[in-house]
Amino acid sequence: TTEGSCIVTSEFAKAWENGHIYQMEQVQKLISSINKDRGILIVNNADVSGVDARMFEKFQSGNLTTFMNEKNDRISECHGENTVYGSGNYIRTVAGFLIGAYEYSYYAYSEGWTLQSGWDELWECKDCHKSLGEPLSDATYNSQTKVYSREFKSGTKVYIDLDWNYPCIKWSD
């Protein structure tokens, strides 16, 4: 492909990707050597062996299964991008997050990447302060309806279809 005035070959792209992965592995090793118990490196949308945390940027239906498979393997953050409280994307991403969440899973949403595009108001999100309690089990999947479901100790129930067209959160309060 051509990028500006440069021609990017597949070999160059693969070498860059390998170098990027190597760099992340080395940074995680350095962080862990400085602070073994609390040193965390979080990478965006990358599955890098030995890296303690992963952010699912632009969290959507296509990465729900991957997020669910991270269970207790590493810290995960799901980010609802271009999202405002109460919007369809907010409901979809919160429902998807609750379906796959486990200990050390985190959720955030914003309209962009500046402090003034939602990050400054995230702490005020009413839903983020609700007490769910422990999940009663991992999510279950109904192959006939193609819907995931999960219930929490508080009584909150969550449902989402494979394509995230019909998310539903029945809060217990």
C-alpha atoms as a PDB file:
ATOM      1  CA  THR A   1       0.000   0.000   0.000  1.00  0.00           C
ATOM      2  CA  THR A   2       1.025   3.622  -0.338  1.00  0.00           C
ATOM      3  CA  GLU A   3       1.145   5.858   2.743  1.00  0.00           C
ATOM      4  CA  GLY A   4       1.819   9.452   1.656  1.00  0.00           C
ATOM      5  CA  SER A   5       5.005   9.234  -0.367  1.00  0.00           C
ATOM      6  CA  CYS A   6       6.084   5.894   1.176  1.00  0.00           C
ATOM      7  CA  ILE A   7       5.343   2.435  -0.118  1.00  0.00           C
ATOM      8  CA  VAL A   8       4.571   0.083   2.765  1.00  0.00           C
ATOM      9  CA  THR A   9       5.249  -3.546   1.966  1.00  0.00           C
ATOM     10  CA  SER A  10       3.722  -6.448   3.856  1.00  0.00           C
ATOM     11  CA  GLU A  11       7.223  -7.357   5.079  1.00  0.00           C
ATOM     12  CA  PHE A  12       7.711  -3.852   6.476  1.00  0.00           C
ATOM     13  CA  ALA A  13       4.276  -3.939   8.150  1.00  0.00           C
ATOM     14  CA  LYS A  14       5.032  -7.332   9.744  1.00  0.00           C
ATOM     15  CA  ALA A  15       8.451  -6.154  10.957  1.00  0.00           C
ATOM     16  CA  TRP A  16       6.842  -3.042  12.468  1.00  0.00           C
ATOM     17  CA  GLU A  17       4.164  -5.160  14.199  1.00  0.00           C
ATOM     18  CA  ASN A  18       6.784  -7.566  15.591  1.00  0.00           C
ATOM     19  CA  GLY A  19       8.877  -4.645  16.840  1.00  0.00           C
ATOM     20  CA  HIS A  20       5.822  -3.073  18.460  1.00  0.00           C
ATOM     21  CA  ILE A  21       4.946  -6.310  20.266  1.00  0.00           C
ATOM     22  CA  TYR A  22       8.558  -6.761  21.391  1.00  0.00           C
ATOM     23  CA  GLN A  23       8.563  -3.197  22.744  1.00  0.00           C
ATOM     24  CA  MET A  24       5.375  -3.819  24.768  1.00  0.00           C
ATOM     25  CA  GLU A  25       6.797  -7.051  26.203  1.00  0.00           C
ATOM     26  CA  GLN A  26       9.994  -5.266  27.212  1.00  0.00           C
ATOM     27  CA  VAL A  27       8.130  -2.344  28.814  1.00  0.00           C
ATOM     28  CA  GLN A  28       6.014  -4.792  30.849  1.00  0.00           C
ATOM     29  CA  LYS A  29       9.192  -6.572  32.025  1.00  0.00           C
ATOM     30  CA  LEU A  30      10.708  -3.229  33.039  1.00  0.00           C
ATOM     31  CA  ILE A  31       7.565  -2.150  34.905  1.00  0.00           C
ATOM     32  CA  SER A  32       7.372  -5.508  36.679  1.00  0.00           C
ATOM     33  CA  SER A  33      11.036  -5.313  37.673  1.00  0.00           C
ATOM     34  CA  ILE A  34      10.451  -1.912  39.276  1.00  0.00           C
ATOM     35  CA  ASN A  35       7.176  -2.755  41.017  1.00  0.00           C
ATOM     36  CA  LYS A  36       6.293  -6.444  40.779  1.00  0.00           C
ATOM     37  CA  ASP A  37       2.985  -6.259  42.664  1.00  0.00           C
ATOM     38  CA  ARG A  38       1.503  -3.111  41.152  1.00  0.00           C
ATOM     39  CA  GLY A  39       3.231  -2.475  37.842  1.00  0.00           C
ATOM     40  CA  ILE A  40       0.660  -2.543  35.045  1.00  0.00           C
ATOM     41  CA  LEU A  41       0.978  -1.874  31.343  1.00  0.00           C
ATOM     42  CA  ILE A  42      -2.311  -1.656  29.450  1.00  0.00           C
ATOM     43  CA  VAL A  43      -2.282  -2.027  25.670  1.00  0.00           C
ATOM     44  CA  ASN A  44      -5.009  -1.017  23.239  1.00  0.00           C
ATOM     45  CA  ASN A  45      -6.698  -3.832  21.334  1.00  0.00           C
ATOM     46  CA  ALA A  46      -3.621  -6.026  21.462  1.00  0.00           C
ATOM     47  CA  ASP A  47      -3.170  -9.554  22.734  1.00  0.00           C
ATOM     48  CA  VAL A  48       0.446  -9.461  23.864  1.00  0.00           C
ATOM     49  CA  SER A  49       1.835 -12.376  25.845  1.00  0.00           C
ATOM     50  CA  GLY A  50       3.152 -11.322  29.250  1.00  0.00           C
ATOM     51  CA  VAL A  51       1.369  -7.952  29.275  1.00  0.00           C
ATOM     52  CA  ASP A  52      -0.795  -7.537  32.386  1.00  0.00           C
ATOM     53  CA  ALA A  53      -3.721  -5.567  30.973  1.00  0.00           C
ATOM     54  CA  ARG A  54      -5.703  -5.017  27.800  1.00  0.00           C
ATOM     55  CA  MET A  55      -8.080  -2.278  26.709  1.00  0.00           C
ATOM     56  CA  PHE A  56     -10.918  -3.174  24.368  1.00  0.00           C
ATOM     57  CA  GLU A  57     -11.120   0.170  22.631  1.00  0.00           C
ATOM     58  CA  LYS A  58     -14.300   0.715  20.621  1.00  0.00           C
ATOM     59  CA  PHE A  59     -15.878  -2.181  22.535  1.00  0.00           C
ATOM     60  CA  GLN A  60     -18.438  -3.881  20.267  1.00  0.00           C
ATOM     61  CA  SER A  61     -20.065  -7.217  19.474  1.00  0.00           C
ATOM     62  CA  GLY A  62     -17.029  -8.463  17.553  1.00  0.00           C
ATOM     63  CA  ASN A  63     -14.834  -8.521  20.657  1.00  0.00           C
ATOM     64  CA  LEU A  64     -17.276  -9.861  23.256  1.00  0.00           C
ATOM     65  CA  THR A  65     -16.052 -13.459  22.979  1.00  0.00           C
ATOM     66  CA  THR A  66     -12.419 -12.336  23.184  1.00  0.00           C
ATOM     67  CA  PHE A  67     -13.238 -10.250  26.270  1.00  0.00           C
ATOM     68  CA  MET A  68     -15.034 -13.223  27.854  1.00  0.00           C
ATOM     69  CA  ASN A  69     -11.991 -15.420  27.179  1.00  0.00           C
ATOM     70  CA  GLU A  70      -9.750 -12.991  29.087  1.00  0.00           C
ATOM     71  CA  LYS A  71     -11.458 -14.171  32.293  1.00  0.00           C
ATOM     72  CA  ASN A  72      -8.990 -13.759  35.157  1.00  0.00           C
ATOM     73  CA  ASP A  73      -6.077 -13.959  32.709  1.00  0.00           C
ATOM     74  CA  ARG A  74      -5.334 -10.239  32.888  1.00  0.00           C
ATOM     75  CA  ILE A  75      -6.890  -6.903  33.719  1.00  0.00           C
ATOM     76  CA  SER A  76      -9.335  -5.775  31.044  1.00  0.00           C
ATOM     77  CA  GLU A  77     -10.939  -2.430  30.322  1.00  0.00           C
ATOM     78  CA  CYS A  78     -13.831  -2.074  27.904  1.00  0.00           C
ATOM     79  CA  HIS A  79     -14.346   1.374  26.429  1.00  0.00           C
ATOM     80  CA  GLY A  80     -17.580   2.522  24.830  1.00  0.00           C
ATOM     81  CA  GLU A  81     -16.272   5.047  22.334  1.00  0.00           C
ATOM     82  CA  ASN A  82     -18.406   7.906  20.974  1.00  0.00           C
ATOM     83  CA  THR A  83     -20.812   7.165  23.788  1.00  0.00           C
ATOM     84  CA  VAL A  84     -22.939   9.341  26.043  1.00  0.00           C
ATOM     85  CA  TYR A  85     -24.926   8.212  29.078  1.00  0.00           C
ATOM     86  CA  GLY A  86     -28.254   6.614  28.129  1.00  0.00           C
ATOM     87  CA  SER A  87     -27.546   6.345  24.391  1.00  0.00           C
ATOM     88  CA  GLY A  88     -28.010   3.126  22.433  1.00  0.00           C
ATOM     89  CA  ASN A  89     -24.261   2.607  22.306  1.00  0.00           C
ATOM     90  CA  TYR A  90     -24.050   3.133  26.064  1.00  0.00           C
ATOM     91  CA  ILE A  91     -26.665   0.426  26.714  1.00  0.00           C
ATOM     92  CA  ARG A  92     -25.026  -1.958  24.215  1.00  0.00           C
ATOM     93  CA  THR A  93     -21.531  -1.556  25.665  1.00  0.00           C
ATOM     94  CA  VAL A  94     -22.627  -1.758  29.319  1.00  0.00           C
ATOM     95  CA  ALA A  95     -24.707  -4.884  28.603  1.00  0.00           C
ATOM     96  CA  GLY A  96     -21.808  -6.484  26.698  1.00  0.00           C
ATOM     97  CA  PHE A  97     -19.439  -5.589  29.517  1.00  0.00           C
ATOM     98  CA  LEU A  98     -21.721  -7.084  32.197  1.00  0.00           C
ATOM     99  CA  ILE A  99     -22.118 -10.279  30.168  1.00  0.00           C
ATOM    100  CA  GLY A 100     -18.365 -10.871  30.131  1.00  0.00           C
ATOM    101  CA  ALA A 101     -17.103  -9.044  33.226  1.00  0.00           C
ATOM    102  CA  TYR A 102     -15.030 -10.780  35.878  1.00  0.00           C
ATOM    103  CA  GLU A 103     -12.765  -9.653  38.701  1.00  0.00           C
ATOM    104  CA  TYR A 104     -10.427  -6.895  37.469  1.00  0.00           C
ATOM    105  CA  SER A 105     -12.665  -5.908  34.556  1.00  0.00           C
ATOM    106  CA  TYR A 106     -13.382  -2.219  34.118  1.00  0.00           C
ATOM    107  CA  TYR A 107     -15.756  -0.192  31.961  1.00  0.00           C
ATOM    108  CA  ALA A 108     -15.519   3.379  30.715  1.00  0.00           C
ATOM    109  CA  TYR A 109     -17.269   5.438  28.079  1.00  0.00           C
ATOM    110  CA  SER A 110     -16.717   8.833  26.499  1.00  0.00           C
ATOM    111  CA  GLU A 111     -17.422  10.849  23.387  1.00  0.00           C
ATOM    112  CA  GLY A 112     -13.714  11.232  22.655  1.00  0.00           C
ATOM    113  CA  TRP A 113     -10.266  11.208  24.191  1.00  0.00           C
ATOM    114  CA  THR A 114      -9.999  14.578  25.918  1.00  0.00           C
ATOM    115  CA  LEU A 115     -10.890  15.350  29.511  1.00  0.00           C
ATOM    116  CA  GLN A 116     -13.775  17.528  28.284  1.00  0.00           C
ATOM    117  CA  SER A 117     -15.289  14.796  26.074  1.00  0.00           C
ATOM    118  CA  GLY A 118     -16.769  12.713  28.857  1.00  0.00           C
ATOM    119  CA  TRP A 119     -13.858  11.539  30.993  1.00  0.00           C
ATOM    120  CA  ASP A 120     -14.512  14.432  33.389  1.00  0.00           C
ATOM    121  CA  GLU A 121     -18.109  13.271  33.956  1.00  0.00           C
ATOM    122  CA  LEU A 122     -17.612   9.496  34.040  1.00  0.00           C
ATOM    123  CA  TRP A 123     -17.423   9.370  37.836  1.00  0.00           C
ATOM    124  CA  GLU A 124     -20.985  10.779  37.938  1.00  0.00           C
ATOM    125  CA  CYS A 125     -22.497   7.868  35.984  1.00  0.00           C
ATOM    126  CA  LYS A 126     -25.434   6.577  38.063  1.00  0.00           C
ATOM    127  CA  ASP A 127     -25.151   3.032  36.714  1.00  0.00           C
ATOM    128  CA  CYS A 128     -21.460   2.796  37.661  1.00  0.00           C
ATOM    129  CA  HIS A 129     -22.399   3.176  41.330  1.00  0.00           C
ATOM    130  CA  LYS A 130     -25.051   0.440  41.413  1.00  0.00           C
ATOM    131  CA  SER A 131     -24.287  -2.553  43.575  1.00  0.00           C
ATOM    132  CA  LEU A 132     -24.486  -5.663  41.403  1.00  0.00           C
ATOM    133  CA  GLY A 133     -22.992  -8.194  43.768  1.00  0.00           C
ATOM    134  CA  GLU A 134     -21.197 -11.254  42.455  1.00  0.00           C
ATOM    135  CA  PRO A 135     -22.391 -12.799  39.202  1.00  0.00           C
ATOM    136  CA  LEU A 136     -24.359 -15.967  39.915  1.00  0.00           C
ATOM    137  CA  SER A 137     -22.467 -17.695  37.069  1.00  0.00           C
ATOM    138  CA  ASP A 138     -20.669 -17.014  33.829  1.00  0.00           C
ATOM    139  CA  ALA A 139     -22.916 -15.848  31.018  1.00  0.00           C
ATOM    140  CA  THR A 140     -25.007 -18.476  29.294  1.00  0.00           C
ATOM    141  CA  TYR A 141     -25.688 -18.559  25.575  1.00  0.00           C
ATOM    142  CA  ASN A 142     -28.954 -19.763  24.033  1.00  0.00           C
ATOM    143  CA  SER A 143     -28.108 -21.047  20.543  1.00  0.00           C
ATOM    144  CA  GLN A 144     -31.773 -20.932  19.457  1.00  0.00           C
ATOM    145  CA  THR A 145     -32.357 -17.270  20.337  1.00  0.00           C
ATOM    146  CA  LYS A 146     -28.662 -16.309  19.916  1.00  0.00           C
ATOM    147  CA  VAL A 147     -28.820 -14.377  23.179  1.00  0.00           C
ATOM    148  CA  TYR A 148     -26.339 -14.226  26.043  1.00  0.00           C
ATOM    149  CA  SER A 149     -27.746 -13.789  29.549  1.00  0.00           C
ATOM    150  CA  ARG A 150     -26.344 -13.334  33.029  1.00  0.00           C
ATOM    151  CA  GLU A 151     -27.700 -12.622  36.495  1.00  0.00           C
ATOM    152  CA  PHE A 152     -26.063 -10.995  39.487  1.00  0.00           C
ATOM    153  CA  LYS A 153     -26.572 -11.482  43.225  1.00  0.00           C
ATOM    154  CA  SER A 154     -28.476  -8.180  43.429  1.00  0.00           C
ATOM    155  CA  GLY A 155     -31.104  -9.538  41.024  1.00  0.00           C
ATOM    156  CA  THR A 156     -29.878  -7.487  38.058  1.00  0.00           C
ATOM    157  CA  LYS A 157     -30.320  -9.430  34.805  1.00  0.00           C
ATOM    158  CA  VAL A 158     -28.538  -8.726  31.528  1.00  0.00           C
ATOM    159  CA  TYR A 159     -29.320  -9.940  28.019  1.00  0.00           C
ATOM    160  CA  ILE A 160     -27.660  -9.230  24.681  1.00  0.00           C
ATOM    161  CA  ASP A 161     -27.970 -10.811  21.253  1.00  0.00           C
ATOM    162  CA  LEU A 162     -24.954 -11.709  19.106  1.00  0.00           C
ATOM    163  CA  ASP A 163     -25.227  -8.576  16.963  1.00  0.00           C
ATOM    164  CA  TRP A 164     -25.933  -6.268  19.933  1.00  0.00           C
ATOM    165  CA  ASN A 165     -29.179  -5.052  18.366  1.00  0.00           C
ATOM    166  CA  TYR A 166     -31.346  -5.765  21.433  1.00  0.00           C
ATOM    167  CA  PRO A 167     -29.410  -5.184  24.658  1.00  0.00           C
ATOM    168  CA  CYS A 168     -31.406  -5.313  27.873  1.00  0.00           C
ATOM    169  CA  ILE A 169     -30.370  -4.549  31.448  1.00  0.00           C
ATOM    170  CA  LYS A 170     -33.002  -5.135  34.117  1.00  0.00           C
ATOM    171  CA  TRP A 171     -31.543  -3.329  37.106  1.00  0.00           C
ATOM    172  CA  SER A 172     -32.633  -4.731  40.465  1.00  0.00           C
ATOM    173  CA  ASP A 173     -33.442  -1.298  41.933  1.00  0.00           C
END
